[in-house]
Amino acid sequence: MVVATTHLLDRLPEVRGQLIPDAPMAPLTWFRVGGPAEILFRPADADDLADFFRNCPADVPVTIVGVGSNLLVRDGGVRGVVIRLGKGFSDVEVLDGARVKAGTAALDMAVARTAMEAGVAGLEFFRGIPGSIGGALRMNGGAYEKETKDVLIEAYGVTRAGEQVTLSRAEMGYSYRHSSVSSDIFFTAALFQGKPGERSDIEKRMNEITERRETSQPIRTRTGGSTFKNPDGHKSWQLIDAAGCRGLKRGGAQVSEKHCNFLINVSDATAADIEDLGEDVRRRVKETSGVTLEWEIRRIGVREAGEPS
């Protein structure tokens, strides 16, 4: 297990937010598994984050996480500094021209609801994404025939060198569940383009999305959301089902019987249980269909104490 050393904490700059050594990560993920962060940093705002990067030694590993909805933290924990954006990055503001600006810690569903309340249509699909805006930006999050790239005007971030930058939609380099933006840029906010609409119509659409999710997905379980990306010409859940993996178990982890592209922590699973189950599913799908599934869930950290990063 990764344990913070006084030496690392002493090497880090002073911040206005919080630096927490040996911070539990399991409570910060929807799977509720995983080891601790060597250091957890909760910046006060974008300026605090930029100041930290400008003064943080370049050899210190840095990992940024959101609300933990599509994240698996391995049992050995995460070396270096884990950054979790909080209150200072969660504002959602409706601007003129049916535009919506949101911090990257804002929940996707909160953005959809704020837009609805202001009569801004076009962002309803965010109601169907379980996570925060930061993840949607990084992964080109989408649901129900629409993706982040369809509504993004520009994204704001901070580089590992501490420079605050603005990226256009074109500069995000979007493709299916992917952005080509360097991992050394950490997103802080985004500006979206909606369109004027009737609140009642927008609310109806959001309710339809909610009903579809609740009917088809195990949303009230300890899960990481959609586990694998859909390969070209296929749907992952169909390949998994055809491979006989619906309900498959390993330790305390199980492939959901309701939607088999979801893995569930059903009984005190470890992160290794979940990851190994996912790899078992990938192997079986490859054997039965010839298709290689690609993880959509982000996996970070080390499996065991003492293991190299």
C-alpha atoms as a PDB file:
ATOM      1  CA  MET A   1       0.000   0.000   0.000  1.00  0.00           C
ATOM      2  CA  VAL A   2       1.256   3.486  -0.870  1.00  0.00           C
ATOM      3  CA  VAL A   3       1.948   5.505   2.285  1.00  0.00           C
ATOM      4  CA  ALA A   4       2.869   9.181   2.260  1.00  0.00           C
ATOM      5  CA  THR A   5       6.281  10.201   3.477  1.00  0.00           C
ATOM      6  CA  THR A   6       7.041  13.423   5.286  1.00  0.00           C
ATOM      7  CA  HIS A   7       9.692  13.929   2.614  1.00  0.00           C
ATOM      8  CA  LEU A   8       7.119  14.209  -0.207  1.00  0.00           C
ATOM      9  CA  LEU A   9       4.841  16.531   1.763  1.00  0.00           C
ATOM     10  CA  ASP A  10       7.822  18.744   2.564  1.00  0.00           C
ATOM     11  CA  ARG A  11       8.684  19.003  -1.122  1.00  0.00           C
ATOM     12  CA  LEU A  12       5.285  20.383  -2.087  1.00  0.00           C
ATOM     13  CA  PRO A  13       4.452  24.107  -2.251  1.00  0.00           C
ATOM     14  CA  GLU A  14       2.095  25.903   0.104  1.00  0.00           C
ATOM     15  CA  VAL A  15      -1.501  26.031  -1.138  1.00  0.00           C
ATOM     16  CA  ARG A  16      -4.762  27.724  -0.196  1.00  0.00           C
ATOM     17  CA  GLY A  17      -6.605  24.441  -0.544  1.00  0.00           C
ATOM     18  CA  GLN A  18      -5.838  21.186   1.287  1.00  0.00           C
ATOM     19  CA  LEU A  19      -2.934  18.734   1.086  1.00  0.00           C
ATOM     20  CA  ILE A  20      -3.928  15.465   2.795  1.00  0.00           C
ATOM     21  CA  PRO A  21      -1.336  12.694   3.279  1.00  0.00           C
ATOM     22  CA  ASP A  22      -2.263   8.998   3.017  1.00  0.00           C
ATOM     23  CA  ALA A  23      -5.806   9.906   1.976  1.00  0.00           C
ATOM     24  CA  PRO A  24      -8.352   7.071   1.498  1.00  0.00           C
ATOM     25  CA  MET A  25      -9.507   6.902  -2.118  1.00  0.00           C
ATOM     26  CA  ALA A  26     -12.173   4.185  -1.881  1.00  0.00           C
ATOM     27  CA  PRO A  27     -14.841   6.588  -0.511  1.00  0.00           C
ATOM     28  CA  LEU A  28     -14.177   8.888  -3.490  1.00  0.00           C
ATOM     29  CA  THR A  29     -15.064   6.276  -6.126  1.00  0.00           C
ATOM     30  CA  TRP A  30     -18.406   4.733  -7.021  1.00  0.00           C
ATOM     31  CA  PHE A  31     -16.892   1.233  -6.830  1.00  0.00           C
ATOM     32  CA  ARG A  32     -15.863   1.973  -3.206  1.00  0.00           C
ATOM     33  CA  VAL A  33     -12.562   0.118  -3.606  1.00  0.00           C
ATOM     34  CA  GLY A  34      -8.864   0.952  -3.803  1.00  0.00           C
ATOM     35  CA  GLY A  35      -5.870   2.020  -1.748  1.00  0.00           C
ATOM     36  CA  PRO A  36      -4.919   5.512  -0.564  1.00  0.00           C
ATOM     37  CA  ALA A  37      -3.436   8.480  -2.367  1.00  0.00           C
ATOM     38  CA  GLU A  38       0.060   9.299  -1.166  1.00  0.00           C
ATOM     39  CA  ILE A  39      -1.076  12.932  -1.122  1.00  0.00           C
ATOM     40  CA  LEU A  40      -4.569  14.214  -1.929  1.00  0.00           C
ATOM     41  CA  PHE A  41      -4.727  17.857  -3.068  1.00  0.00           C
ATOM     42  CA  ARG A  42      -8.020  19.752  -3.051  1.00  0.00           C
ATOM     43  CA  PRO A  43      -7.269  23.120  -4.713  1.00  0.00           C
ATOM     44  CA  ALA A  44      -9.293  26.171  -3.724  1.00  0.00           C
ATOM     45  CA  ASP A  45      -9.700  27.395  -7.319  1.00  0.00           C
ATOM     46  CA  ALA A  46      -7.972  27.517 -10.702  1.00  0.00           C
ATOM     47  CA  ASP A  47      -5.378  30.052  -9.506  1.00  0.00           C
ATOM     48  CA  ASP A  48      -4.488  27.803  -6.568  1.00  0.00           C
ATOM     49  CA  LEU A  49      -4.093  24.871  -8.957  1.00  0.00           C
ATOM     50  CA  ALA A  50      -1.895  26.916 -11.319  1.00  0.00           C
ATOM     51  CA  ASP A  51       0.299  28.121  -8.434  1.00  0.00           C
ATOM     52  CA  PHE A  52       0.701  24.539  -7.238  1.00  0.00           C
ATOM     53  CA  PHE A  53       1.854  23.348 -10.663  1.00  0.00           C
ATOM     54  CA  ARG A  54       4.282  26.240 -11.086  1.00  0.00           C
ATOM     55  CA  ASN A  55       5.997  25.332  -7.827  1.00  0.00           C
ATOM     56  CA  CYS A  56       5.603  21.545  -7.694  1.00  0.00           C
ATOM     57  CA  PRO A  57       8.796  19.582  -8.513  1.00  0.00           C
ATOM     58  CA  ALA A  58       8.561  18.165 -12.033  1.00  0.00           C
ATOM     59  CA  ASP A  59       9.409  14.624 -10.872  1.00  0.00           C
ATOM     60  CA  VAL A  60       6.358  14.356  -8.576  1.00  0.00           C
ATOM     61  CA  PRO A  61       3.655  12.214 -10.248  1.00  0.00           C
ATOM     62  CA  VAL A  62       0.311  14.030 -10.508  1.00  0.00           C
ATOM     63  CA  THR A  63      -3.080  12.417 -11.209  1.00  0.00           C
ATOM     64  CA  ILE A  64      -6.382  14.278 -11.416  1.00  0.00           C
ATOM     65  CA  VAL A  65      -9.729  12.630 -10.664  1.00  0.00           C
ATOM     66  CA  GLY A  66     -13.362  13.698 -10.795  1.00  0.00           C
ATOM     67  CA  VAL A  67     -16.290  12.294  -8.834  1.00  0.00           C
ATOM     68  CA  GLY A  68     -14.997   8.741  -9.299  1.00  0.00           C
ATOM     69  CA  SER A  69     -17.904   7.491 -11.424  1.00  0.00           C
ATOM     70  CA  ASN A  70     -15.818   5.863 -14.174  1.00  0.00           C
ATOM     71  CA  LEU A  71     -12.699   5.200 -12.118  1.00  0.00           C
ATOM     72  CA  LEU A  72     -11.002   2.157 -10.603  1.00  0.00           C
ATOM     73  CA  VAL A  73      -8.275   2.828  -8.025  1.00  0.00           C
ATOM     74  CA  ARG A  74      -6.045  -0.206  -7.600  1.00  0.00           C
ATOM     75  CA  ASP A  75      -5.555  -1.753  -4.153  1.00  0.00           C
ATOM     76  CA  GLY A  76      -1.965  -0.597  -3.680  1.00  0.00           C
ATOM     77  CA  GLY A  77      -2.966   3.062  -3.926  1.00  0.00           C
ATOM     78  CA  VAL A  78      -1.689   5.952  -6.030  1.00  0.00           C
ATOM     79  CA  ARG A  79       1.824   7.378  -5.799  1.00  0.00           C
ATOM     80  CA  GLY A  80       2.508  11.098  -5.798  1.00  0.00           C
ATOM     81  CA  VAL A  81      -0.271  13.670  -5.719  1.00  0.00           C
ATOM     82  CA  VAL A  82      -3.896  12.961  -6.573  1.00  0.00           C
ATOM     83  CA  ILE A  83      -5.849  16.136  -7.347  1.00  0.00           C
ATOM     84  CA  ARG A  84      -9.588  16.174  -6.743  1.00  0.00           C
ATOM     85  CA  LEU A  85     -11.434  19.296  -7.802  1.00  0.00           C
ATOM     86  CA  GLY A  86     -14.245  20.348  -5.502  1.00  0.00           C
ATOM     87  CA  LYS A  87     -16.444  23.295  -4.612  1.00  0.00           C
ATOM     88  CA  GLY A  88     -14.292  25.912  -6.335  1.00  0.00           C
ATOM     89  CA  PHE A  89     -14.823  24.116  -9.645  1.00  0.00           C
ATOM     90  CA  SER A  90     -18.506  23.194  -9.440  1.00  0.00           C
ATOM     91  CA  ASP A  91     -20.314  26.394 -10.480  1.00  0.00           C
ATOM     92  CA  VAL A  92     -22.751  26.269 -13.405  1.00  0.00           C
ATOM     93  CA  GLU A  93     -23.714  29.580 -15.035  1.00  0.00           C
ATOM     94  CA  VAL A  94     -26.119  30.338 -17.878  1.00  0.00           C
ATOM     95  CA  LEU A  95     -24.849  33.110 -20.168  1.00  0.00           C
ATOM     96  CA  ASP A  96     -26.475  35.048 -22.978  1.00  0.00           C
ATOM     97  CA  GLY A  97     -26.904  33.356 -26.327  1.00  0.00           C
ATOM     98  CA  ALA A  98     -28.042  30.064 -24.727  1.00  0.00           C
ATOM     99  CA  ARG A  99     -24.508  29.332 -23.549  1.00  0.00           C
ATOM    100  CA  VAL A 100     -23.688  27.463 -20.339  1.00  0.00           C
ATOM    101  CA  LYS A 101     -20.359  27.648 -18.485  1.00  0.00           C
ATOM    102  CA  ALA A 102     -19.567  24.889 -16.011  1.00  0.00           C
ATOM    103  CA  GLY A 103     -16.668  24.009 -13.760  1.00  0.00           C
ATOM    104  CA  THR A 104     -15.230  20.563 -14.289  1.00  0.00           C
ATOM    105  CA  ALA A 105     -16.330  19.347 -10.846  1.00  0.00           C
ATOM    106  CA  ALA A 106     -19.963  20.085 -11.728  1.00  0.00           C
ATOM    107  CA  LEU A 107     -22.025  16.946 -12.166  1.00  0.00           C
ATOM    108  CA  ASP A 108     -23.193  16.351 -15.719  1.00  0.00           C
ATOM    109  CA  MET A 109     -26.781  16.055 -14.504  1.00  0.00           C
ATOM    110  CA  ALA A 110     -26.468  19.412 -12.695  1.00  0.00           C
ATOM    111  CA  VAL A 111     -25.469  21.068 -15.967  1.00  0.00           C
ATOM    112  CA  ALA A 112     -28.463  19.531 -17.736  1.00  0.00           C
ATOM    113  CA  ARG A 113     -30.822  20.648 -14.969  1.00  0.00           C
ATOM    114  CA  THR A 114     -29.457  24.210 -14.793  1.00  0.00           C
ATOM    115  CA  ALA A 115     -29.833  24.530 -18.555  1.00  0.00           C
ATOM    116  CA  MET A 116     -33.391  23.198 -18.375  1.00  0.00           C
ATOM    117  CA  GLU A 117     -34.370  25.671 -15.665  1.00  0.00           C
ATOM    118  CA  ALA A 118     -33.103  28.520 -17.876  1.00  0.00           C
ATOM    119  CA  GLY A 119     -34.920  27.255 -20.977  1.00  0.00           C
ATOM    120  CA  VAL A 120     -31.725  26.129 -22.717  1.00  0.00           C
ATOM    121  CA  ALA A 121     -32.143  22.997 -24.835  1.00  0.00           C
ATOM    122  CA  GLY A 122     -29.519  20.737 -26.378  1.00  0.00           C
ATOM    123  CA  LEU A 123     -27.740  19.687 -23.184  1.00  0.00           C
ATOM    124  CA  GLU A 124     -30.320  17.135 -22.014  1.00  0.00           C
ATOM    125  CA  PHE A 125     -28.015  14.227 -22.882  1.00  0.00           C
ATOM    126  CA  PHE A 126     -25.753  15.170 -19.958  1.00  0.00           C
ATOM    127  CA  ARG A 127     -28.529  13.796 -17.734  1.00  0.00           C
ATOM    128  CA  GLY A 128     -27.587  10.353 -19.011  1.00  0.00           C
ATOM    129  CA  ILE A 129     -23.871  10.579 -18.168  1.00  0.00           C
ATOM    130  CA  PRO A 130     -22.931   9.493 -14.626  1.00  0.00           C
ATOM    131  CA  GLY A 131     -20.034  11.759 -13.760  1.00  0.00           C
ATOM    132  CA  SER A 132     -18.670  15.283 -13.880  1.00  0.00           C
ATOM    133  CA  ILE A 133     -17.859  17.704 -16.681  1.00  0.00           C
ATOM    134  CA  GLY A 134     -14.116  17.046 -16.371  1.00  0.00           C
ATOM    135  CA  GLY A 135     -14.593  13.426 -17.354  1.00  0.00           C
ATOM    136  CA  ALA A 136     -16.973  14.366 -20.155  1.00  0.00           C
ATOM    137  CA  LEU A 137     -14.334  16.713 -21.584  1.00  0.00           C
ATOM    138  CA  ARG A 138     -11.495  14.197 -21.356  1.00  0.00           C
ATOM    139  CA  MET A 139     -13.502  11.241 -22.707  1.00  0.00           C
ATOM    140  CA  ASN A 140     -15.875  13.040 -25.096  1.00  0.00           C
ATOM    141  CA  GLY A 141     -18.639  11.719 -22.884  1.00  0.00           C
ATOM    142  CA  GLY A 142     -21.921  11.011 -24.557  1.00  0.00           C
ATOM    143  CA  ALA A 143     -25.309   9.379 -24.194  1.00  0.00           C
ATOM    144  CA  TYR A 144     -28.434   8.887 -26.267  1.00  0.00           C
ATOM    145  CA  GLU A 145     -27.074   9.876 -29.674  1.00  0.00           C
ATOM    146  CA  LYS A 146     -25.150  12.954 -28.565  1.00  0.00           C
ATOM    147  CA  GLU A 147     -21.572  13.671 -27.408  1.00  0.00           C
ATOM    148  CA  THR A 148     -19.689  16.459 -25.642  1.00  0.00           C
ATOM    149  CA  LYS A 149     -18.053  17.506 -28.918  1.00  0.00           C
ATOM    150  CA  ASP A 150     -21.491  18.362 -30.311  1.00  0.00           C
ATOM    151  CA  VAL A 151     -22.050  21.193 -27.815  1.00  0.00           C
ATOM    152  CA  LEU A 152     -18.578  22.331 -26.690  1.00  0.00           C
ATOM    153  CA  ILE A 153     -17.441  25.848 -27.585  1.00  0.00           C
ATOM    154  CA  GLU A 154     -14.181  25.832 -25.638  1.00  0.00           C
ATOM    155  CA  ALA A 155     -12.500  24.251 -22.623  1.00  0.00           C
ATOM    156  CA  TYR A 156     -10.287  25.867 -19.987  1.00  0.00           C
ATOM    157  CA  GLY A 157      -7.391  24.222 -18.225  1.00  0.00           C
ATOM    158  CA  VAL A 158      -4.060  24.467 -16.469  1.00  0.00           C
ATOM    159  CA  THR A 159      -0.848  22.916 -17.801  1.00  0.00           C
ATOM    160  CA  ARG A 160       1.636  20.968 -15.690  1.00  0.00           C
ATOM    161  CA  ALA A 161       3.828  24.084 -15.917  1.00  0.00           C
ATOM    162  CA  GLY A 162       1.087  26.209 -14.322  1.00  0.00           C
ATOM    163  CA  GLU A 163      -0.090  28.082 -17.437  1.00  0.00           C
ATOM    164  CA  GLN A 164      -3.838  28.689 -17.752  1.00  0.00           C
ATOM    165  CA  VAL A 165      -4.994  27.864 -21.290  1.00  0.00           C
ATOM    166  CA  THR A 166      -8.122  27.917 -23.463  1.00  0.00           C
ATOM    167  CA  LEU A 167      -8.754  25.193 -26.033  1.00  0.00           C
ATOM    168  CA  SER A 168     -11.220  25.361 -28.918  1.00  0.00           C
ATOM    169  CA  ARG A 169     -13.376  22.378 -29.823  1.00  0.00           C
ATOM    170  CA  ALA A 170     -11.056  21.650 -32.764  1.00  0.00           C
ATOM    171  CA  GLU A 171      -8.027  21.696 -30.472  1.00  0.00           C
ATOM    172  CA  MET A 172      -9.652  19.032 -28.255  1.00  0.00           C
ATOM    173  CA  GLY A 173      -9.035  16.453 -30.999  1.00  0.00           C
ATOM    174  CA  TYR A 174     -12.214  14.517 -30.311  1.00  0.00           C
ATOM    175  CA  SER A 175     -13.070  11.029 -31.497  1.00  0.00           C
ATOM    176  CA  TYR A 176     -15.254   8.318 -29.953  1.00  0.00           C
ATOM    177  CA  ARG A 177     -14.730   8.428 -26.156  1.00  0.00           C
ATOM    178  CA  HIS A 178     -11.365  10.116 -26.619  1.00  0.00           C
ATOM    179  CA  SER A 179      -9.634  13.496 -26.683  1.00  0.00           C
ATOM    180  CA  SER A 180      -6.111  13.920 -28.045  1.00  0.00           C
ATOM    181  CA  VAL A 181      -5.322  16.730 -25.589  1.00  0.00           C
ATOM    182  CA  SER A 182      -2.142  16.051 -23.607  1.00  0.00           C
ATOM    183  CA  SER A 183      -2.586  14.481 -20.178  1.00  0.00           C
ATOM    184  CA  ASP A 184      -0.403  17.353 -18.925  1.00  0.00           C
ATOM    185  CA  ILE A 185      -3.377  19.695 -19.325  1.00  0.00           C
ATOM    186  CA  PHE A 186      -5.868  19.571 -16.452  1.00  0.00           C
ATOM    187  CA  PHE A 187      -9.332  20.878 -17.289  1.00  0.00           C
ATOM    188  CA  THR A 188     -10.978  23.421 -14.971  1.00  0.00           C
ATOM    189  CA  ALA A 189     -14.107  24.582 -16.844  1.00  0.00           C
ATOM    190  CA  ALA A 190     -15.992  24.414 -20.139  1.00  0.00           C
ATOM    191  CA  LEU A 191     -18.321  26.580 -22.208  1.00  0.00           C
ATOM    192  CA  PHE A 192     -21.214  24.872 -24.010  1.00  0.00           C
ATOM    193  CA  GLN A 193     -23.611  26.025 -26.711  1.00  0.00           C
ATOM    194  CA  GLY A 194     -27.271  25.207 -26.305  1.00  0.00           C
ATOM    195  CA  LYS A 195     -30.336  26.629 -28.014  1.00  0.00           C
ATOM    196  CA  PRO A 196     -33.512  28.296 -26.759  1.00  0.00           C
ATOM    197  CA  GLY A 197     -36.250  25.841 -25.840  1.00  0.00           C
ATOM    198  CA  GLU A 198     -39.416  25.358 -23.850  1.00  0.00           C
ATOM    199  CA  ARG A 199     -38.732  24.214 -20.308  1.00  0.00           C
ATOM    200  CA  SER A 200     -41.559  21.673 -20.404  1.00  0.00           C
ATOM    201  CA  ASP A 201     -40.157  20.060 -23.571  1.00  0.00           C
ATOM    202  CA  ILE A 202     -36.634  19.963 -22.139  1.00  0.00           C
ATOM    203  CA  GLU A 203     -37.866  18.454 -18.882  1.00  0.00           C
ATOM    204  CA  LYS A 204     -39.829  15.800 -20.784  1.00  0.00           C
ATOM    205  CA  ARG A 205     -36.708  14.807 -22.709  1.00  0.00           C
ATOM    206  CA  MET A 206     -34.661  14.610 -19.504  1.00  0.00           C
ATOM    207  CA  ASN A 207     -37.313  12.471 -17.830  1.00  0.00           C
ATOM    208  CA  GLU A 208     -37.257  10.108 -20.806  1.00  0.00           C
ATOM    209  CA  ILE A 209     -33.482   9.777 -20.494  1.00  0.00           C
ATOM    210  CA  THR A 210     -33.776   9.132 -16.745  1.00  0.00           C
ATOM    211  CA  GLU A 211     -36.394   6.441 -17.315  1.00  0.00           C
ATOM    212  CA  ARG A 212     -34.297   4.724 -19.981  1.00  0.00           C
ATOM    213  CA  ARG A 213     -31.255   4.673 -17.688  1.00  0.00           C
ATOM    214  CA  GLU A 214     -33.183   3.316 -14.716  1.00  0.00           C
ATOM    215  CA  THR A 215     -34.811   0.636 -16.854  1.00  0.00           C
ATOM    216  CA  SER A 216     -31.650  -0.603 -18.562  1.00  0.00           C
ATOM    217  CA  GLN A 217     -28.726   0.106 -16.199  1.00  0.00           C
ATOM    218  CA  PRO A 218     -27.803  -0.927 -12.621  1.00  0.00           C
ATOM    219  CA  ILE A 219     -27.560   2.689 -11.499  1.00  0.00           C
ATOM    220  CA  ARG A 220     -28.156   2.125  -7.764  1.00  0.00           C
ATOM    221  CA  THR A 221     -25.212  -0.216  -7.287  1.00  0.00           C
ATOM    222  CA  ARG A 222     -21.490   0.142  -6.632  1.00  0.00           C
ATOM    223  CA  THR A 223     -20.417   0.308 -10.254  1.00  0.00           C
ATOM    224  CA  GLY A 224     -18.060   2.249 -12.495  1.00  0.00           C
ATOM    225  CA  GLY A 225     -20.563   2.800 -15.269  1.00  0.00           C
ATOM    226  CA  SER A 226     -19.915   1.621 -18.813  1.00  0.00           C
ATOM    227  CA  THR A 227     -16.872  -0.678 -18.616  1.00  0.00           C
ATOM    228  CA  PHE A 228     -15.775  -1.078 -22.244  1.00  0.00           C
ATOM    229  CA  LYS A 229     -15.997   1.173 -25.282  1.00  0.00           C
ATOM    230  CA  ASN A 230     -18.215   0.026 -28.115  1.00  0.00           C
ATOM    231  CA  PRO A 231     -15.967  -1.374 -30.883  1.00  0.00           C
ATOM    232  CA  ASP A 232     -16.640  -0.241 -34.448  1.00  0.00           C
ATOM    233  CA  GLY A 233     -19.767  -1.966 -35.715  1.00  0.00           C
ATOM    234  CA  HIS A 234     -20.554  -3.634 -32.387  1.00  0.00           C
ATOM    235  CA  LYS A 235     -22.116  -3.025 -29.003  1.00  0.00           C
ATOM    236  CA  SER A 236     -19.968  -4.226 -26.112  1.00  0.00           C
ATOM    237  CA  TRP A 237     -22.867  -5.588 -24.081  1.00  0.00           C
ATOM    238  CA  GLN A 238     -23.971  -7.811 -26.950  1.00  0.00           C
ATOM    239  CA  LEU A 239     -20.465  -9.241 -27.376  1.00  0.00           C
ATOM    240  CA  ILE A 240     -20.193  -9.828 -23.625  1.00  0.00           C
ATOM    241  CA  ASP A 241     -23.584 -11.504 -23.512  1.00  0.00           C
ATOM    242  CA  ALA A 242     -22.757 -13.716 -26.491  1.00  0.00           C
ATOM    243  CA  ALA A 243     -19.542 -14.766 -24.731  1.00  0.00           C
ATOM    244  CA  GLY A 244     -21.609 -16.073 -21.809  1.00  0.00           C
ATOM    245  CA  CYS A 245     -20.400 -13.454 -19.337  1.00  0.00           C
ATOM    246  CA  ARG A 246     -23.724 -12.117 -18.040  1.00  0.00           C
ATOM    247  CA  GLY A 247     -23.644 -12.655 -14.254  1.00  0.00           C
ATOM    248  CA  LEU A 248     -20.019 -13.881 -14.311  1.00  0.00           C
ATOM    249  CA  LYS A 249     -18.282 -13.468 -10.928  1.00  0.00           C
ATOM    250  CA  ARG A 250     -14.781 -13.148  -9.541  1.00  0.00           C
ATOM    251  CA  GLY A 251     -14.393 -12.655  -5.803  1.00  0.00           C
ATOM    252  CA  GLY A 252     -16.812  -9.921  -4.774  1.00  0.00           C
ATOM    253  CA  ALA A 253     -17.179  -8.573  -8.317  1.00  0.00           C
ATOM    254  CA  GLN A 254     -19.854  -9.491 -10.850  1.00  0.00           C
ATOM    255  CA  VAL A 255     -20.882  -8.700 -14.413  1.00  0.00           C
ATOM    256  CA  SER A 256     -24.301  -7.088 -14.088  1.00  0.00           C
ATOM    257  CA  GLU A 257     -27.193  -9.292 -15.101  1.00  0.00           C
ATOM    258  CA  LYS A 258     -29.209  -6.170 -15.961  1.00  0.00           C
ATOM    259  CA  HIS A 259     -26.645  -4.651 -18.338  1.00  0.00           C
ATOM    260  CA  CYS A 260     -23.566  -6.746 -18.940  1.00  0.00           C
ATOM    261  CA  ASN A 261     -21.267  -3.864 -19.888  1.00  0.00           C
ATOM    262  CA  PHE A 262     -21.378  -2.896 -16.203  1.00  0.00           C
ATOM    263  CA  LEU A 263     -19.191  -4.467 -13.511  1.00  0.00           C
ATOM    264  CA  ILE A 264     -20.532  -4.370  -9.947  1.00  0.00           C
ATOM    265  CA  ASN A 265     -18.998  -4.568  -6.485  1.00  0.00           C
ATOM    266  CA  VAL A 266     -21.572  -6.936  -5.018  1.00  0.00           C
ATOM    267  CA  SER A 267     -19.780  -8.200  -1.904  1.00  0.00           C
ATOM    268  CA  ASP A 268     -16.696  -6.398  -0.570  1.00  0.00           C
ATOM    269  CA  ALA A 269     -14.809  -6.768  -3.836  1.00  0.00           C
ATOM    270  CA  THR A 270     -11.219  -5.651  -4.149  1.00  0.00           C
ATOM    271  CA  ALA A 271     -10.029  -3.544  -7.047  1.00  0.00           C
ATOM    272  CA  ALA A 272      -8.142  -6.630  -8.237  1.00  0.00           C
ATOM    273  CA  ASP A 273     -11.409  -8.625  -8.276  1.00  0.00           C
ATOM    274  CA  ILE A 274     -12.999  -6.002 -10.520  1.00  0.00           C
ATOM    275  CA  GLU A 275     -10.042  -5.535 -12.858  1.00  0.00           C
ATOM    276  CA  ASP A 276      -9.391  -9.276 -13.169  1.00  0.00           C
ATOM    277  CA  LEU A 277     -13.066  -9.881 -13.910  1.00  0.00           C
ATOM    278  CA  GLY A 278     -12.874  -7.264 -16.650  1.00  0.00           C
ATOM    279  CA  GLU A 279      -9.805  -8.947 -18.132  1.00  0.00           C
ATOM    280  CA  ASP A 280     -11.587 -12.297 -17.999  1.00  0.00           C
ATOM    281  CA  VAL A 281     -14.486 -10.752 -19.950  1.00  0.00           C
ATOM    282  CA  ARG A 282     -12.074  -9.318 -22.522  1.00  0.00           C
ATOM    283  CA  ARG A 283     -10.427 -12.725 -22.978  1.00  0.00           C
ATOM    284  CA  ARG A 284     -13.738 -14.536 -23.430  1.00  0.00           C
ATOM    285  CA  VAL A 285     -15.046 -11.952 -25.908  1.00  0.00           C
ATOM    286  CA  LYS A 286     -11.819 -12.212 -27.916  1.00  0.00           C
ATOM    287  CA  GLU A 287     -12.132 -16.002 -27.998  1.00  0.00           C
ATOM    288  CA  THR A 288     -15.778 -16.013 -29.106  1.00  0.00           C
ATOM    289  CA  SER A 289     -15.918 -13.035 -31.479  1.00  0.00           C
ATOM    290  CA  GLY A 290     -12.351 -12.104 -32.363  1.00  0.00           C
ATOM    291  CA  VAL A 291     -13.048  -8.564 -31.083  1.00  0.00           C
ATOM    292  CA  THR A 292     -10.728  -6.920 -28.544  1.00  0.00           C
ATOM    293  CA  LEU A 293     -12.650  -4.819 -26.029  1.00  0.00           C
ATOM    294  CA  GLU A 294     -11.018  -1.579 -24.893  1.00  0.00           C
ATOM    295  CA  TRP A 295     -11.468  -0.395 -21.322  1.00  0.00           C
ATOM    296  CA  GLU A 296     -13.604   2.731 -20.902  1.00  0.00           C
ATOM    297  CA  ILE A 297     -13.179   2.747 -17.117  1.00  0.00           C
ATOM    298  CA  ARG A 298     -10.022   4.588 -16.118  1.00  0.00           C
ATOM    299  CA  ARG A 299      -7.695   2.498 -13.935  1.00  0.00           C
ATOM    300  CA  ILE A 300      -5.012   4.170 -11.809  1.00  0.00           C
ATOM    301  CA  GLY A 301      -2.505   3.227  -9.126  1.00  0.00           C
ATOM    302  CA  VAL A 302      -0.568   0.052  -8.317  1.00  0.00           C
ATOM    303  CA  ARG A 303      -1.957  -3.380  -7.518  1.00  0.00           C
ATOM    304  CA  GLU A 304       0.304  -4.038  -4.533  1.00  0.00           C
ATOM    305  CA  ALA A 305       2.564  -2.156  -2.137  1.00  0.00           C
ATOM    306  CA  GLY A 306       6.075  -1.826  -3.462  1.00  0.00           C
ATOM    307  CA  GLU A 307       5.034  -2.325  -7.074  1.00  0.00           C
ATOM    308  CA  PRO A 308       6.596   0.166  -9.521  1.00  0.00           C
ATOM    309  CA  SER A 309       4.232   2.874 -10.808  1.00  0.00           C
END
